[in-house]
Amino acid sequence: MTTIVAFHAHPDDEALLTGGTLARAAADGHRVVLVVATICMQGADAARRAELEASAKVLGVERVVHLGYAGSGHGAILYPDPPGWVRFVRASTDEAAARLVAILREEKASVLLSYDRNGGYGHRDHVKVHEVGKRAAELAGDVRLLEATIPRDVVARLVRIVRLARIPFRYDVDALLRAYSARSEITHAFDVRRFARQKQAAIAAHSSQVKGNGRLAPLMRVVTRLPAPLFGLVFNREWYVDATPRGSGS
């Protein structure tokens, strides 16, 4: 058995991108630790932290850590840092990586989950997670780095389903289809169908996002209402790129 540290940008990312993987790892007896870079745009938010803890409990996560940054937002405007906080995208990559390495070493972690080089769909905090995760793996020197992603052909299929279902979708589709990873880059595809109920419940735990006005909210409302077997059929795989620095990992 080993310890897996999953590093994410915001609460709800852990459920959307890696929920099945985390639940599967926990069920297999591994220790799962969840690290989020940010909780909200203002730095700390008790409600969103509670939602994150609820999601983590559903997935079998044993420890949740906030790395200590404020969210950076997504869009043309990068707002000033809130009082007492630094927006994650403005943080020193080495400083943030050192914070993450301290957790990896404390936990004696063997695996670090992060994001692909595109930061998934390109959110500035997601790109920063990629940069910090990569640097942390280099500094730790003895951890396997798996970067969460989605094959672009799967993204295209999901976009078609969303359009056919007439679900509001406020994303630049052309940019989205260039994001994430090419199928040829992906090294690991985990079957997580058995953990569909947990992944779905973990997404639903983020009620402020499901019921809110965010770009992803309409889709989150739909997926949390799907019958579990159908949810498992649609979201039956989670994908990763092995980006372990040369000479590191196991």
Protein backbone atom coordinates (compact mmCIF):
# COMPACT_ATOMS: atom_id res chain seq x y z
CA MET A 1 0.00 0.00 0.00
CA THR A 2 1.18 3.53 -0.70
CA THR A 3 0.24 7.16 -0.13
CA ILE A 4 -1.18 9.17 -3.03
CA VAL A 5 -1.29 12.96 -2.93
CA ALA A 6 -3.80 14.53 -5.31
CA PHE A 7 -3.02 18.19 -6.03
CA HIS A 8 -5.88 20.30 -7.36
CA ALA A 9 -6.57 23.95 -8.10
CA HIS A 10 -10.03 24.43 -6.55
CA PRO A 11 -12.70 22.57 -4.60
CA ASP A 12 -14.75 20.39 -7.01
CA ASP A 13 -11.77 19.72 -9.32
CA GLU A 14 -10.90 16.67 -7.22
CA ALA A 15 -14.32 15.14 -7.92
CA LEU A 16 -14.60 16.10 -11.57
CA LEU A 17 -11.12 15.05 -12.72
CA THR A 18 -9.98 12.35 -10.31
CA GLY A 19 -12.96 11.33 -8.15
CA GLY A 20 -13.10 7.78 -9.42
CA THR A 21 -9.34 7.32 -9.11
CA LEU A 22 -9.28 8.56 -5.53
CA ALA A 23 -12.21 6.36 -4.53
CA ARG A 24 -10.63 3.35 -6.22
CA ALA A 25 -7.27 3.97 -4.55
CA ALA A 26 -8.90 4.33 -1.13
CA ALA A 27 -10.93 1.16 -1.67
CA ASP A 28 -7.71 -0.67 -2.54
CA GLY A 29 -6.26 0.32 0.83
CA HIS A 30 -4.03 3.22 -0.19
CA ARG A 31 -3.82 6.41 1.88
CA VAL A 32 -5.22 9.31 -0.13
CA VAL A 33 -4.34 12.92 0.67
CA LEU A 34 -6.02 15.85 -1.10
CA VAL A 35 -4.21 19.17 -1.50
CA VAL A 36 -5.99 22.18 -3.00
CA ALA A 37 -4.10 25.29 -3.98
CA THR A 38 -7.08 27.60 -3.43
CA ILE A 39 -10.45 27.57 -1.71
CA CYS A 40 -12.00 30.67 -3.27
CA MET A 41 -11.24 34.05 -4.81
CA GLN A 42 -10.99 35.69 -1.37
CA GLY A 43 -8.62 33.05 0.02
CA ALA A 44 -10.75 31.32 2.66
CA ASP A 45 -14.41 30.35 2.63
CA ALA A 46 -15.91 28.16 5.34
CA ALA A 47 -18.79 26.92 3.17
CA ARG A 48 -16.59 25.83 0.29
CA ARG A 49 -14.13 24.23 2.70
CA ALA A 50 -17.01 22.25 4.21
CA GLU A 51 -18.10 21.14 0.73
CA LEU A 52 -14.54 20.04 -0.01
CA GLU A 53 -14.39 18.05 3.21
CA ALA A 54 -17.72 16.39 2.40
CA SER A 55 -16.52 15.45 -1.09
CA ALA A 56 -13.27 14.09 0.32
CA LYS A 57 -15.13 11.95 2.86
CA VAL A 58 -17.28 10.40 0.12
CA LEU A 59 -14.15 9.54 -1.87
CA GLY A 60 -12.30 8.00 1.07
CA VAL A 61 -9.71 10.78 1.35
CA GLU A 62 -7.99 10.72 4.75
CA ARG A 63 -6.54 14.23 4.86
CA VAL A 64 -7.36 17.55 3.19
CA VAL A 65 -4.80 20.38 3.00
CA HIS A 66 -5.21 23.95 1.71
CA LEU A 67 -1.88 25.07 0.20
CA GLY A 68 -2.62 28.65 1.21
CA TYR A 69 -3.41 30.69 -1.90
CA ALA A 70 -6.39 32.65 -3.21
CA GLY A 71 -8.06 31.75 -6.49
CA SER A 72 -7.01 33.71 -9.56
CA GLY A 73 -10.26 33.62 -11.53
CA HIS A 74 -10.63 32.81 -15.20
CA GLY A 75 -10.96 35.53 -17.80
CA ALA A 76 -9.32 38.67 -19.09
CA ILE A 77 -9.12 40.40 -15.71
CA LEU A 78 -6.66 39.30 -13.02
CA TYR A 79 -7.87 41.04 -9.88
CA PRO A 80 -5.54 42.40 -7.17
CA ASP A 81 -4.61 40.04 -4.37
CA PRO A 82 -7.15 40.01 -1.51
CA PRO A 83 -5.86 41.33 1.83
CA GLY A 84 -3.46 38.84 3.41
CA TRP A 85 -3.46 36.46 0.44
CA VAL A 86 -1.60 35.90 -2.84
CA ARG A 87 -3.47 34.78 -5.92
CA PHE A 88 -2.13 31.39 -6.91
CA VAL A 89 -1.09 32.43 -10.40
CA ARG A 90 1.10 35.19 -8.91
CA ALA A 91 2.80 32.86 -6.43
CA SER A 92 6.42 31.85 -6.83
CA THR A 93 6.41 28.41 -8.44
CA ASP A 94 9.36 27.31 -6.33
CA GLU A 95 7.74 28.54 -3.12
CA ALA A 96 4.45 26.78 -3.86
CA ALA A 97 6.33 23.64 -4.90
CA ALA A 98 8.29 23.71 -1.63
CA ARG A 99 4.99 23.78 0.31
CA LEU A 100 3.78 20.79 -1.68
CA VAL A 101 7.08 18.92 -1.24
CA ALA A 102 6.80 19.36 2.53
CA ILE A 103 3.45 17.53 2.39
CA LEU A 104 4.83 14.82 0.10
CA ARG A 105 7.71 14.18 2.49
CA GLU A 106 5.56 14.33 5.61
CA GLU A 107 3.21 11.77 4.08
CA LYS A 108 6.02 9.70 2.53
CA ALA A 109 3.99 9.82 -0.68
CA SER A 110 4.87 7.64 -3.65
CA VAL A 111 2.45 9.16 -6.17
CA LEU A 112 1.54 12.76 -6.97
CA LEU A 113 -1.50 13.54 -9.11
CA SER A 114 -1.40 16.89 -10.90
CA TYR A 115 -2.61 18.36 -14.24
CA ASP A 116 -1.40 18.09 -17.82
CA ARG A 117 0.67 20.84 -19.43
CA ASN A 118 -2.44 22.57 -20.78
CA GLY A 119 -3.93 22.77 -17.31
CA GLY A 120 -6.85 20.80 -18.74
CA TYR A 121 -8.98 23.49 -20.36
CA GLY A 122 -6.44 26.25 -19.71
CA HIS A 123 -7.66 27.92 -16.51
CA ARG A 124 -4.72 29.95 -15.19
CA ASP A 125 -4.82 28.19 -11.82
CA HIS A 126 -4.84 24.80 -13.53
CA VAL A 127 -1.80 25.70 -15.60
CA LYS A 128 -0.13 26.81 -12.37
CA VAL A 129 -0.98 23.44 -10.76
CA HIS A 130 0.84 21.76 -13.65
CA GLU A 131 3.90 23.98 -13.16
CA VAL A 132 3.96 23.58 -9.38
CA GLY A 133 3.29 19.83 -9.53
CA LYS A 134 6.09 19.31 -12.04
CA ARG A 135 8.53 21.33 -9.95
CA ALA A 136 7.50 19.54 -6.75
CA ALA A 137 8.16 16.17 -8.38
CA GLU A 138 11.61 17.37 -9.42
CA LEU A 139 12.40 18.63 -5.93
CA ALA A 140 11.01 15.56 -4.15
CA GLY A 141 13.01 13.28 -6.40
CA ASP A 142 11.26 10.05 -5.39
CA VAL A 143 7.65 10.42 -6.45
CA ARG A 144 5.76 9.24 -9.52
CA LEU A 145 3.96 12.13 -11.22
CA LEU A 146 0.69 11.36 -13.01
CA GLU A 147 -1.03 14.32 -14.68
CA ALA A 148 -4.81 14.16 -14.88
CA THR A 149 -6.28 14.86 -18.30
CA ILE A 150 -8.95 13.83 -20.80
CA PRO A 151 -8.36 12.58 -24.37
CA ARG A 152 -9.38 15.26 -26.87
CA ASP A 153 -11.60 12.82 -28.76
CA VAL A 154 -13.53 12.18 -25.53
CA VAL A 155 -13.87 15.94 -25.01
CA ALA A 156 -15.28 16.25 -28.54
CA ARG A 157 -17.79 13.45 -27.82
CA LEU A 158 -18.90 15.08 -24.58
CA VAL A 159 -19.33 18.44 -26.31
CA ARG A 160 -21.58 16.78 -28.91
CA ILE A 161 -23.70 15.19 -26.17
CA VAL A 162 -24.00 18.52 -24.34
CA ARG A 163 -25.11 20.27 -27.52
CA LEU A 164 -27.63 17.56 -28.41
CA ALA A 165 -29.05 17.77 -24.89
CA ARG A 166 -29.20 21.58 -25.20
CA ILE A 167 -27.36 22.06 -21.94
CA PRO A 168 -26.08 25.65 -21.59
CA PHE A 169 -22.33 25.56 -22.16
CA ARG A 170 -20.43 28.85 -21.88
CA TYR A 171 -17.05 27.68 -23.12
CA ASP A 172 -15.06 28.40 -26.28
CA VAL A 173 -15.58 25.02 -27.92
CA ASP A 174 -12.80 25.45 -30.50
CA ALA A 175 -10.30 26.23 -27.73
CA LEU A 176 -11.66 23.37 -25.63
CA LEU A 177 -11.03 20.88 -28.43
CA ARG A 178 -7.38 21.94 -28.52
CA ALA A 179 -7.03 21.59 -24.74
CA TYR A 180 -6.33 18.54 -22.57
CA SER A 181 -4.19 15.82 -24.20
CA ALA A 182 -3.87 13.91 -27.44
CA ARG A 183 -4.74 10.23 -27.11
CA SER A 184 -1.13 9.32 -28.00
CA GLU A 185 0.18 11.20 -24.93
CA ILE A 186 -1.94 9.31 -22.40
CA THR A 187 -0.19 6.54 -20.47
CA HIS A 188 -2.84 5.46 -17.95
CA ALA A 189 -6.59 4.94 -18.29
CA PHE A 190 -8.27 3.75 -15.09
CA ASP A 191 -11.61 1.98 -15.10
CA VAL A 192 -13.63 3.75 -12.39
CA ARG A 193 -17.15 2.60 -13.26
CA ARG A 194 -17.53 0.77 -9.92
CA PHE A 195 -17.08 4.10 -8.15
CA ALA A 196 -19.68 6.03 -10.15
CA ARG A 197 -21.94 6.60 -7.15
CA GLN A 198 -19.07 8.01 -5.09
CA LYS A 199 -17.83 10.28 -7.86
CA GLN A 200 -21.34 11.56 -8.52
CA ALA A 201 -21.96 12.14 -4.82
CA ALA A 202 -18.63 13.95 -4.50
CA ILE A 203 -19.61 16.32 -7.32
CA ALA A 204 -23.00 16.89 -5.69
CA ALA A 205 -21.28 17.74 -2.39
CA HIS A 206 -20.13 20.99 -4.00
CA SER A 207 -23.64 22.39 -3.79
CA SER A 208 -22.60 26.03 -4.14
CA GLN A 209 -21.11 25.21 -7.53
CA VAL A 210 -23.93 22.91 -8.64
CA LYS A 211 -26.60 25.48 -7.73
CA GLY A 212 -24.55 28.53 -8.68
CA ASN A 213 -24.16 30.59 -11.83
CA GLY A 214 -20.74 29.38 -12.91
CA ARG A 215 -20.05 28.26 -16.47
CA LEU A 216 -20.03 24.61 -15.47
CA ALA A 217 -23.06 24.77 -13.17
CA PRO A 218 -25.73 23.73 -15.74
CA LEU A 219 -23.71 20.66 -16.70
CA MET A 220 -23.02 19.79 -13.06
CA ARG A 221 -26.73 19.94 -12.32
CA VAL A 222 -27.42 17.49 -15.12
CA VAL A 223 -24.69 14.99 -14.23
CA THR A 224 -25.63 14.92 -10.53
CA ARG A 225 -29.20 13.96 -11.50
CA LEU A 226 -28.28 11.13 -13.86
CA PRO A 227 -29.15 7.58 -12.75
CA ALA A 228 -25.95 6.12 -11.31
CA PRO A 229 -25.66 3.36 -13.99
CA LEU A 230 -25.88 5.99 -16.75
CA PHE A 231 -23.40 8.23 -14.94
CA GLY A 232 -21.04 5.26 -14.71
CA LEU A 233 -21.45 4.51 -18.40
CA VAL A 234 -20.57 8.08 -19.41
CA PHE A 235 -17.83 8.69 -16.84
CA ASN A 236 -16.28 5.24 -16.72
CA ARG A 237 -12.63 6.20 -17.25
CA GLU A 238 -10.12 8.67 -15.86
CA TRP A 239 -6.90 9.39 -17.72
CA TYR A 240 -3.34 10.40 -16.87
CA VAL A 241 -0.03 11.25 -18.48
CA ASP A 242 3.02 9.84 -16.71
CA ALA A 243 5.29 12.88 -16.36
CA THR A 244 7.65 11.48 -13.73
CA PRO A 245 10.99 13.29 -13.93
CA ARG A 246 13.72 11.07 -15.30
CA GLY A 247 15.37 9.07 -12.55
CA SER A 248 12.46 9.58 -10.13
CA GLY A 249 9.46 7.56 -9.03
CA SER A 250 9.02 3.79 -9.00
